[in-house]
Amino acid sequence: MNVLILGGGVVGQGALSVLYALGAKVTVMDINVGVLRTLADRYNNKIDTMVCTKEAIAAILPQTDMVINCVKWPKERTDFLIDKEMLKTMEKGSVLVDISNDDPGAIESSHETHHDNPRYVVNGVVHYCVSNIPGAVAHSTSVALAAETLPLLLNIMNNGLTEACVRDGFIRRCLTAYKGYLTHEETSAIQNKPWIRPEDILGIADRNLDFAPPATTTRSSNFIKL
C-alpha cells in the first residue's frame, strides 16, 4: 500500500508510526526540511520524504493508494494542495483522509463529515473527512486528553496564570481572553475584532519567556491600545 502523508507534525507522525508498523510504503511531505531529515533518520531511511509542493504531489498521486492530509491550511489562501482535477489521476477506490478538513482547506474536494455518514466519493476517490475522529473512541480520547491537560492545569494552579504563561509558551499562546480583552490572534483575524498580545496584557513582555511556535500563519494587526 502506497500512502502519502501531507504534513510531518504531531498528527502526521502519529499516522506514520501506525502505517509503517503495518508495512505500508509511506511518503511524508512537509515544507520543513529539518523535519523531513529527522523522520528519515528515525526510520533508517525506510520511508520516502519530499518537500511539499503541488507539483511534487501531482507527480506521485497516480501511484498513491491513500492520502492523509495533516496540513493546517492558512484560511486566507484560495489555492489548494490537491484540486479536484488531480484526483482523476488516482485509481478508482483510492482513499483520501482529510484530518485537517477546514473550509477552505488544503484539499479542494474536502468538506466536513460526521460519524453517522463519514464517507463520500469525488472523481472516484473515497473521502473520509470526519472532523472529530477521536470521538469514535470517546473513553480513550477522554483519558488521553486528561493526561495531556492535567500538567497545564497544575502549572496554572501552582504558579498562577501569569507565571504559567512565562514558563510555558503553549499556555501563553492558547490564552483566548483575559479580563474582558481578546488575547488570541487567530480569533481576531477571523472575526475582525481587536486583540492584545498575552505578553502585553499580562505585563510580561520583558521577561525571559518560554518559546512556542505560532499555531497558524493567520495574522492580525488589529491591536487594542490600552
C-alpha atoms as a PDB file:
ATOM      1  CA  MET A   1       0.000   0.000   0.000  1.00  0.00           C
ATOM      2  CA  ASN A   2       1.419   3.367  -1.055  1.00  0.00           C
ATOM      3  CA  VAL A   3       0.486   6.153   1.341  1.00  0.00           C
ATOM      4  CA  LEU A   4       1.178   9.883   1.082  1.00  0.00           C
ATOM      5  CA  ILE A   5       1.134  11.884   4.328  1.00  0.00           C
ATOM      6  CA  LEU A   6       0.924  15.652   3.926  1.00  0.00           C
ATOM      7  CA  GLY A   7       2.471  17.305   6.962  1.00  0.00           C
ATOM      8  CA  GLY A   8       5.110  15.881   9.285  1.00  0.00           C
ATOM      9  CA  GLY A   9       3.825  17.360  12.534  1.00  0.00           C
ATOM     10  CA  VAL A  10       2.371  15.554  15.536  1.00  0.00           C
ATOM     11  CA  VAL A  11      -0.638  14.193  13.639  1.00  0.00           C
ATOM     12  CA  GLY A  12       1.382  13.202  10.593  1.00  0.00           C
ATOM     13  CA  GLN A  13       3.970  11.431  12.724  1.00  0.00           C
ATOM     14  CA  GLY A  14       1.234   9.532  14.541  1.00  0.00           C
ATOM     15  CA  ALA A  15      -0.194   8.319  11.236  1.00  0.00           C
ATOM     16  CA  LEU A  16       3.307   7.440  10.027  1.00  0.00           C
ATOM     17  CA  SER A  17       4.086   5.259  13.039  1.00  0.00           C
ATOM     18  CA  VAL A  18       0.925   3.184  12.549  1.00  0.00           C
ATOM     19  CA  LEU A  19       1.247   2.844   8.779  1.00  0.00           C
ATOM     20  CA  TYR A  20       4.932   1.958   8.963  1.00  0.00           C
ATOM     21  CA  ALA A  21       4.168  -0.759  11.521  1.00  0.00           C
ATOM     22  CA  LEU A  22       1.523  -2.151   9.160  1.00  0.00           C
ATOM     23  CA  GLY A  23       4.080  -2.404   6.354  1.00  0.00           C
ATOM     24  CA  ALA A  24       2.860   0.423   4.144  1.00  0.00           C
ATOM     25  CA  LYS A  25       5.228   2.249   1.776  1.00  0.00           C
ATOM     26  CA  VAL A  26       4.978   5.775   3.141  1.00  0.00           C
ATOM     27  CA  THR A  27       5.969   9.127   1.672  1.00  0.00           C
ATOM     28  CA  VAL A  28       5.936  12.139   4.007  1.00  0.00           C
ATOM     29  CA  MET A  29       5.787  15.668   2.608  1.00  0.00           C
ATOM     30  CA  ASP A  30       6.483  18.820   4.587  1.00  0.00           C
ATOM     31  CA  ILE A  31       7.865  22.302   3.934  1.00  0.00           C
ATOM     32  CA  ASN A  32      10.360  21.928   6.800  1.00  0.00           C
ATOM     33  CA  VAL A  33      13.475  20.125   5.550  1.00  0.00           C
ATOM     34  CA  GLY A  34      14.670  19.632   9.130  1.00  0.00           C
ATOM     35  CA  VAL A  35      11.505  17.698   9.979  1.00  0.00           C
ATOM     36  CA  LEU A  36      11.949  15.502   6.905  1.00  0.00           C
ATOM     37  CA  ARG A  37      15.566  14.722   7.793  1.00  0.00           C
ATOM     38  CA  THR A  38      14.616  13.860  11.369  1.00  0.00           C
ATOM     39  CA  LEU A  39      11.888  11.464  10.230  1.00  0.00           C
ATOM     40  CA  ALA A  40      14.149   9.836   7.644  1.00  0.00           C
ATOM     41  CA  ASP A  41      16.793   9.221  10.318  1.00  0.00           C
ATOM     42  CA  ARG A  42      14.220   7.920  12.807  1.00  0.00           C
ATOM     43  CA  TYR A  43      13.016   5.320  10.316  1.00  0.00           C
ATOM     44  CA  ASN A  44      16.504   4.464   8.994  1.00  0.00           C
ATOM     45  CA  ASN A  45      15.657   5.921   5.577  1.00  0.00           C
ATOM     46  CA  LYS A  46      12.956   3.276   5.059  1.00  0.00           C
ATOM     47  CA  ILE A  47      10.399   5.957   4.305  1.00  0.00           C
ATOM     48  CA  ASP A  48      10.395   8.491   1.475  1.00  0.00           C
ATOM     49  CA  THR A  49      10.444  12.212   2.233  1.00  0.00           C
ATOM     50  CA  MET A  50       9.799  15.109  -0.117  1.00  0.00           C
ATOM     51  CA  VAL A  51       9.428  18.864   0.142  1.00  0.00           C
ATOM     52  CA  CYS A  52       5.704  19.568  -0.107  1.00  0.00           C
ATOM     53  CA  THR A  53       4.669  21.335  -3.313  1.00  0.00           C
ATOM     54  CA  LYS A  54       1.642  20.931  -5.538  1.00  0.00           C
ATOM     55  CA  GLU A  55       3.899  19.716  -8.353  1.00  0.00           C
ATOM     56  CA  ALA A  56       5.503  17.046  -6.154  1.00  0.00           C
ATOM     57  CA  ILE A  57       2.091  15.833  -5.030  1.00  0.00           C
ATOM     58  CA  ALA A  58       0.835  15.623  -8.620  1.00  0.00           C
ATOM     59  CA  ALA A  59       3.866  13.548  -9.590  1.00  0.00           C
ATOM     60  CA  ILE A  60       3.195  10.745  -7.109  1.00  0.00           C
ATOM     61  CA  LEU A  61      -0.617  10.750  -6.895  1.00  0.00           C
ATOM     62  CA  PRO A  62      -1.039   8.190  -9.728  1.00  0.00           C
ATOM     63  CA  GLN A  63       0.901   5.620  -7.644  1.00  0.00           C
ATOM     64  CA  THR A  64      -0.775   6.551  -4.345  1.00  0.00           C
ATOM     65  CA  ASP A  65      -3.468   4.386  -2.732  1.00  0.00           C
ATOM     66  CA  MET A  66      -4.162   6.670   0.242  1.00  0.00           C
ATOM     67  CA  VAL A  67      -3.581  10.341   1.015  1.00  0.00           C
ATOM     68  CA  ILE A  68      -3.676  11.556   4.609  1.00  0.00           C
ATOM     69  CA  ASN A  69      -3.816  15.327   4.910  1.00  0.00           C
ATOM     70  CA  CYS A  70      -2.444  16.712   8.185  1.00  0.00           C
ATOM     71  CA  VAL A  71      -1.730  20.240   6.915  1.00  0.00           C
ATOM     72  CA  LYS A  72      -3.466  23.139   8.651  1.00  0.00           C
ATOM     73  CA  TRP A  73      -4.052  25.368   5.647  1.00  0.00           C
ATOM     74  CA  PRO A  74      -3.941  29.170   6.114  1.00  0.00           C
ATOM     75  CA  LYS A  75      -7.518  30.424   5.970  1.00  0.00           C
ATOM     76  CA  GLU A  76      -6.659  33.393   3.777  1.00  0.00           C
ATOM     77  CA  ARG A  77      -5.363  31.182   0.940  1.00  0.00           C
ATOM     78  CA  THR A  78      -7.627  30.442  -2.012  1.00  0.00           C
ATOM     79  CA  ASP A  79      -5.472  27.798  -3.725  1.00  0.00           C
ATOM     80  CA  PHE A  80      -5.210  24.089  -2.894  1.00  0.00           C
ATOM     81  CA  LEU A  81      -2.513  21.464  -2.498  1.00  0.00           C
ATOM     82  CA  ILE A  82      -4.806  18.943  -4.195  1.00  0.00           C
ATOM     83  CA  ASP A  83      -7.560  20.100  -6.541  1.00  0.00           C
ATOM     84  CA  LYS A  84     -10.395  18.038  -7.970  1.00  0.00           C
ATOM     85  CA  GLU A  85      -8.680  17.521 -11.318  1.00  0.00           C
ATOM     86  CA  MET A  86      -5.663  15.969  -9.593  1.00  0.00           C
ATOM     87  CA  LEU A  87      -7.925  13.322  -8.058  1.00  0.00           C
ATOM     88  CA  LYS A  88      -8.615  11.941 -11.535  1.00  0.00           C
ATOM     89  CA  THR A  89      -5.029  10.676 -11.731  1.00  0.00           C
ATOM     90  CA  MET A  90      -5.606   8.336  -8.777  1.00  0.00           C
ATOM     91  CA  GLU A  91      -7.081   4.862  -9.236  1.00  0.00           C
ATOM     92  CA  LYS A  92     -10.788   4.440  -8.585  1.00  0.00           C
ATOM     93  CA  GLY A  93     -11.377   3.400  -4.987  1.00  0.00           C
ATOM     94  CA  SER A  94      -8.309   5.175  -3.629  1.00  0.00           C
ATOM     95  CA  VAL A  95      -8.814   6.888  -0.286  1.00  0.00           C
ATOM     96  CA  LEU A  96      -8.294  10.459   0.908  1.00  0.00           C
ATOM     97  CA  VAL A  97      -8.416  11.082   4.660  1.00  0.00           C
ATOM     98  CA  ASP A  98      -8.531  14.786   5.488  1.00  0.00           C
ATOM     99  CA  ILE A  99      -7.790  15.115   9.197  1.00  0.00           C
ATOM    100  CA  SER A 100      -7.444  18.889   8.924  1.00  0.00           C
ATOM    101  CA  ASN A 101     -10.626  19.499   6.921  1.00  0.00           C
ATOM    102  CA  ASP A 102     -11.013  23.230   7.359  1.00  0.00           C
ATOM    103  CA  ASP A 103     -13.244  25.034   4.887  1.00  0.00           C
ATOM    104  CA  PRO A 104     -11.465  26.215   2.874  1.00  0.00           C
ATOM    105  CA  GLY A 105      -8.586  23.814   3.409  1.00  0.00           C
ATOM    106  CA  ALA A 106      -5.705  22.251   1.522  1.00  0.00           C
ATOM    107  CA  ILE A 107      -7.956  19.808  -0.377  1.00  0.00           C
ATOM    108  CA  GLU A 108     -10.494  21.346  -2.770  1.00  0.00           C
ATOM    109  CA  SER A 109     -12.880  18.383  -2.622  1.00  0.00           C
ATOM    110  CA  SER A 110     -12.999  18.132   1.177  1.00  0.00           C
ATOM    111  CA  HIS A 111     -15.956  19.055   3.322  1.00  0.00           C
ATOM    112  CA  GLU A 112     -16.770  18.113   6.887  1.00  0.00           C
ATOM    113  CA  THR A 113     -18.482  14.785   7.571  1.00  0.00           C
ATOM    114  CA  HIS A 114     -19.628  13.042  10.745  1.00  0.00           C
ATOM    115  CA  HIS A 115     -19.526   9.534  12.150  1.00  0.00           C
ATOM    116  CA  ASP A 116     -23.094   8.734  11.080  1.00  0.00           C
ATOM    117  CA  ASN A 117     -22.244   9.382   7.403  1.00  0.00           C
ATOM    118  CA  PRO A 118     -18.460   9.667   7.168  1.00  0.00           C
ATOM    119  CA  ARG A 119     -17.685   8.933   3.511  1.00  0.00           C
ATOM    120  CA  TYR A 120     -18.390  10.356   0.075  1.00  0.00           C
ATOM    121  CA  VAL A 121     -16.807   9.956  -3.386  1.00  0.00           C
ATOM    122  CA  VAL A 122     -15.341  12.620  -5.680  1.00  0.00           C
ATOM    123  CA  ASN A 123     -13.866  11.629  -9.060  1.00  0.00           C
ATOM    124  CA  GLY A 124     -13.643   8.030  -7.931  1.00  0.00           C
ATOM    125  CA  VAL A 125     -11.712   8.775  -4.735  1.00  0.00           C
ATOM    126  CA  VAL A 126     -13.323   7.861  -1.420  1.00  0.00           C
ATOM    127  CA  HIS A 127     -13.147  10.794   1.022  1.00  0.00           C
ATOM    128  CA  TYR A 128     -13.183  10.423   4.810  1.00  0.00           C
ATOM    129  CA  CYS A 129     -13.398  13.869   6.384  1.00  0.00           C
ATOM    130  CA  VAL A 130     -14.736  13.376   9.903  1.00  0.00           C
ATOM    131  CA  SER A 131     -13.730  16.428  11.915  1.00  0.00           C
ATOM    132  CA  ASN A 132     -13.799  14.625  15.255  1.00  0.00           C
ATOM    133  CA  ILE A 133     -12.137  11.289  14.503  1.00  0.00           C
ATOM    134  CA  PRO A 134     -11.215  10.643  18.181  1.00  0.00           C
ATOM    135  CA  GLY A 135     -14.919  10.762  19.020  1.00  0.00           C
ATOM    136  CA  ALA A 136     -15.169   7.193  17.707  1.00  0.00           C
ATOM    137  CA  VAL A 137     -13.285   6.065  20.833  1.00  0.00           C
ATOM    138  CA  ALA A 138     -14.646   8.606  23.286  1.00  0.00           C
ATOM    139  CA  HIS A 139     -13.446   6.976  26.521  1.00  0.00           C
ATOM    140  CA  SER A 140      -9.848   6.524  25.365  1.00  0.00           C
ATOM    141  CA  THR A 141      -9.855  10.031  23.940  1.00  0.00           C
ATOM    142  CA  SER A 142     -11.073  11.500  27.227  1.00  0.00           C
ATOM    143  CA  VAL A 143      -8.356   9.685  29.180  1.00  0.00           C
ATOM    144  CA  ALA A 144      -5.674  10.867  26.729  1.00  0.00           C
ATOM    145  CA  LEU A 145      -6.958  14.461  26.815  1.00  0.00           C
ATOM    146  CA  ALA A 146      -6.996  14.474  30.617  1.00  0.00           C
ATOM    147  CA  ALA A 147      -3.417  13.182  30.708  1.00  0.00           C
ATOM    148  CA  GLU A 148      -2.262  15.980  28.392  1.00  0.00           C
ATOM    149  CA  THR A 149      -4.300  18.705  30.093  1.00  0.00           C
ATOM    150  CA  LEU A 150      -3.501  17.919  33.731  1.00  0.00           C
ATOM    151  CA  PRO A 151       0.124  19.224  33.672  1.00  0.00           C
ATOM    152  CA  LEU A 152      -1.105  22.518  32.183  1.00  0.00           C
ATOM    153  CA  LEU A 153      -3.756  22.910  34.869  1.00  0.00           C
ATOM    154  CA  LEU A 154      -1.251  22.074  37.621  1.00  0.00           C
ATOM    155  CA  ASN A 155       1.141  24.692  36.231  1.00  0.00           C
ATOM    156  CA  ILE A 156      -1.579  27.368  36.401  1.00  0.00           C
ATOM    157  CA  MET A 157      -2.784  26.272  39.851  1.00  0.00           C
ATOM    158  CA  ASN A 158       0.696  26.103  41.394  1.00  0.00           C
ATOM    159  CA  ASN A 159       2.212  29.194  39.780  1.00  0.00           C
ATOM    160  CA  GLY A 160      -0.719  31.406  38.805  1.00  0.00           C
ATOM    161  CA  LEU A 161      -1.710  32.275  35.250  1.00  0.00           C
ATOM    162  CA  THR A 162       0.903  34.975  34.714  1.00  0.00           C
ATOM    163  CA  GLU A 163       3.862  32.863  35.803  1.00  0.00           C
ATOM    164  CA  ALA A 164       2.478  29.827  33.937  1.00  0.00           C
ATOM    165  CA  CYS A 165       2.407  31.885  30.746  1.00  0.00           C
ATOM    166  CA  VAL A 166       6.038  32.832  31.315  1.00  0.00           C
ATOM    167  CA  ARG A 167       7.102  29.230  31.896  1.00  0.00           C
ATOM    168  CA  ASP A 168       5.018  27.583  29.156  1.00  0.00           C
ATOM    169  CA  GLY A 169       4.738  29.224  25.757  1.00  0.00           C
ATOM    170  CA  PHE A 170       1.874  26.951  24.739  1.00  0.00           C
ATOM    171  CA  ILE A 171      -0.283  28.121  27.656  1.00  0.00           C
ATOM    172  CA  ARG A 172       0.502  31.707  26.706  1.00  0.00           C
ATOM    173  CA  ARG A 173      -0.294  31.061  23.050  1.00  0.00           C
ATOM    174  CA  CYS A 174      -3.621  29.415  23.943  1.00  0.00           C
ATOM    175  CA  LEU A 175      -4.847  32.263  26.131  1.00  0.00           C
ATOM    176  CA  THR A 176      -8.033  33.379  24.374  1.00  0.00           C
ATOM    177  CA  ALA A 177      -9.406  36.128  26.625  1.00  0.00           C
ATOM    178  CA  TYR A 178      -8.220  37.877  29.795  1.00  0.00           C
ATOM    179  CA  LYS A 179     -10.134  40.396  31.924  1.00  0.00           C
ATOM    180  CA  GLY A 180     -12.562  41.115  29.097  1.00  0.00           C
ATOM    181  CA  TYR A 181      -9.901  41.526  26.400  1.00  0.00           C
ATOM    182  CA  LEU A 182      -9.435  39.245  23.390  1.00  0.00           C
ATOM    183  CA  THR A 183      -5.898  37.827  23.521  1.00  0.00           C
ATOM    184  CA  HIS A 184      -5.991  35.322  20.639  1.00  0.00           C
ATOM    185  CA  GLU A 185      -4.555  36.438  17.311  1.00  0.00           C
ATOM    186  CA  GLU A 186      -6.315  33.967  15.013  1.00  0.00           C
ATOM    187  CA  THR A 187      -9.722  34.748  16.538  1.00  0.00           C
ATOM    188  CA  SER A 188      -9.019  38.434  15.964  1.00  0.00           C
ATOM    189  CA  ALA A 189      -8.214  37.815  12.303  1.00  0.00           C
ATOM    190  CA  ILE A 190     -11.203  35.548  11.633  1.00  0.00           C
ATOM    191  CA  GLN A 191     -13.786  37.669  13.482  1.00  0.00           C
ATOM    192  CA  ASN A 192     -12.205  41.040  12.681  1.00  0.00           C
ATOM    193  CA  LYS A 193     -12.084  42.002  16.343  1.00  0.00           C
ATOM    194  CA  PRO A 194      -9.282  43.922  18.071  1.00  0.00           C
ATOM    195  CA  TRP A 195      -6.927  41.939  20.281  1.00  0.00           C
ATOM    196  CA  ILE A 196      -3.980  42.404  22.616  1.00  0.00           C
ATOM    197  CA  ARG A 197      -0.991  40.111  22.965  1.00  0.00           C
ATOM    198  CA  PRO A 198      -0.987  37.975  26.121  1.00  0.00           C
ATOM    199  CA  GLU A 199       2.522  39.250  26.855  1.00  0.00           C
ATOM    200  CA  ASP A 200       1.240  42.827  26.944  1.00  0.00           C
ATOM    201  CA  ILE A 201      -1.959  42.339  28.944  1.00  0.00           C
ATOM    202  CA  LEU A 202      -0.068  40.203  31.496  1.00  0.00           C
ATOM    203  CA  GLY A 203       2.857  42.647  31.660  1.00  0.00           C
ATOM    204  CA  ILE A 204       5.492  40.009  30.910  1.00  0.00           C
ATOM    205  CA  ALA A 205       6.827  41.202  27.543  1.00  0.00           C
ATOM    206  CA  ASP A 206      10.220  41.987  29.095  1.00  0.00           C
ATOM    207  CA  ARG A 207      10.535  38.574  30.806  1.00  0.00           C
ATOM    208  CA  ASN A 208      12.539  35.582  29.566  1.00  0.00           C
ATOM    209  CA  LEU A 209       9.555  33.778  28.038  1.00  0.00           C
ATOM    210  CA  ASP A 210       9.352  30.118  27.116  1.00  0.00           C
ATOM    211  CA  PHE A 211       9.087  29.845  23.330  1.00  0.00           C
ATOM    212  CA  ALA A 212       6.136  28.392  21.427  1.00  0.00           C
ATOM    213  CA  PRO A 213       5.779  28.463  17.622  1.00  0.00           C
ATOM    214  CA  PRO A 214       2.710  30.178  16.143  1.00  0.00           C
ATOM    215  CA  ALA A 215      -0.325  27.906  15.895  1.00  0.00           C
ATOM    216  CA  THR A 216      -1.116  29.060  12.338  1.00  0.00           C
ATOM    217  CA  THR A 217       0.076  31.559   9.764  1.00  0.00           C
ATOM    218  CA  THR A 218      -3.067  33.657  10.322  1.00  0.00           C
ATOM    219  CA  ARG A 219      -2.043  37.107  11.495  1.00  0.00           C
ATOM    220  CA  SER A 220      -3.864  40.184  12.800  1.00  0.00           C
ATOM    221  CA  SER A 221      -2.589  43.732  13.262  1.00  0.00           C
ATOM    222  CA  ASN A 222      -5.917  44.894  14.722  1.00  0.00           C
ATOM    223  CA  PHE A 223      -4.467  45.685  18.126  1.00  0.00           C
ATOM    224  CA  ILE A 224      -6.165  47.082  21.208  1.00  0.00           C
ATOM    225  CA  LYS A 225      -4.393  50.139  22.560  1.00  0.00           C
ATOM    226  CA  LEU A 226      -4.584  50.380  26.348  1.00  0.00           C
END
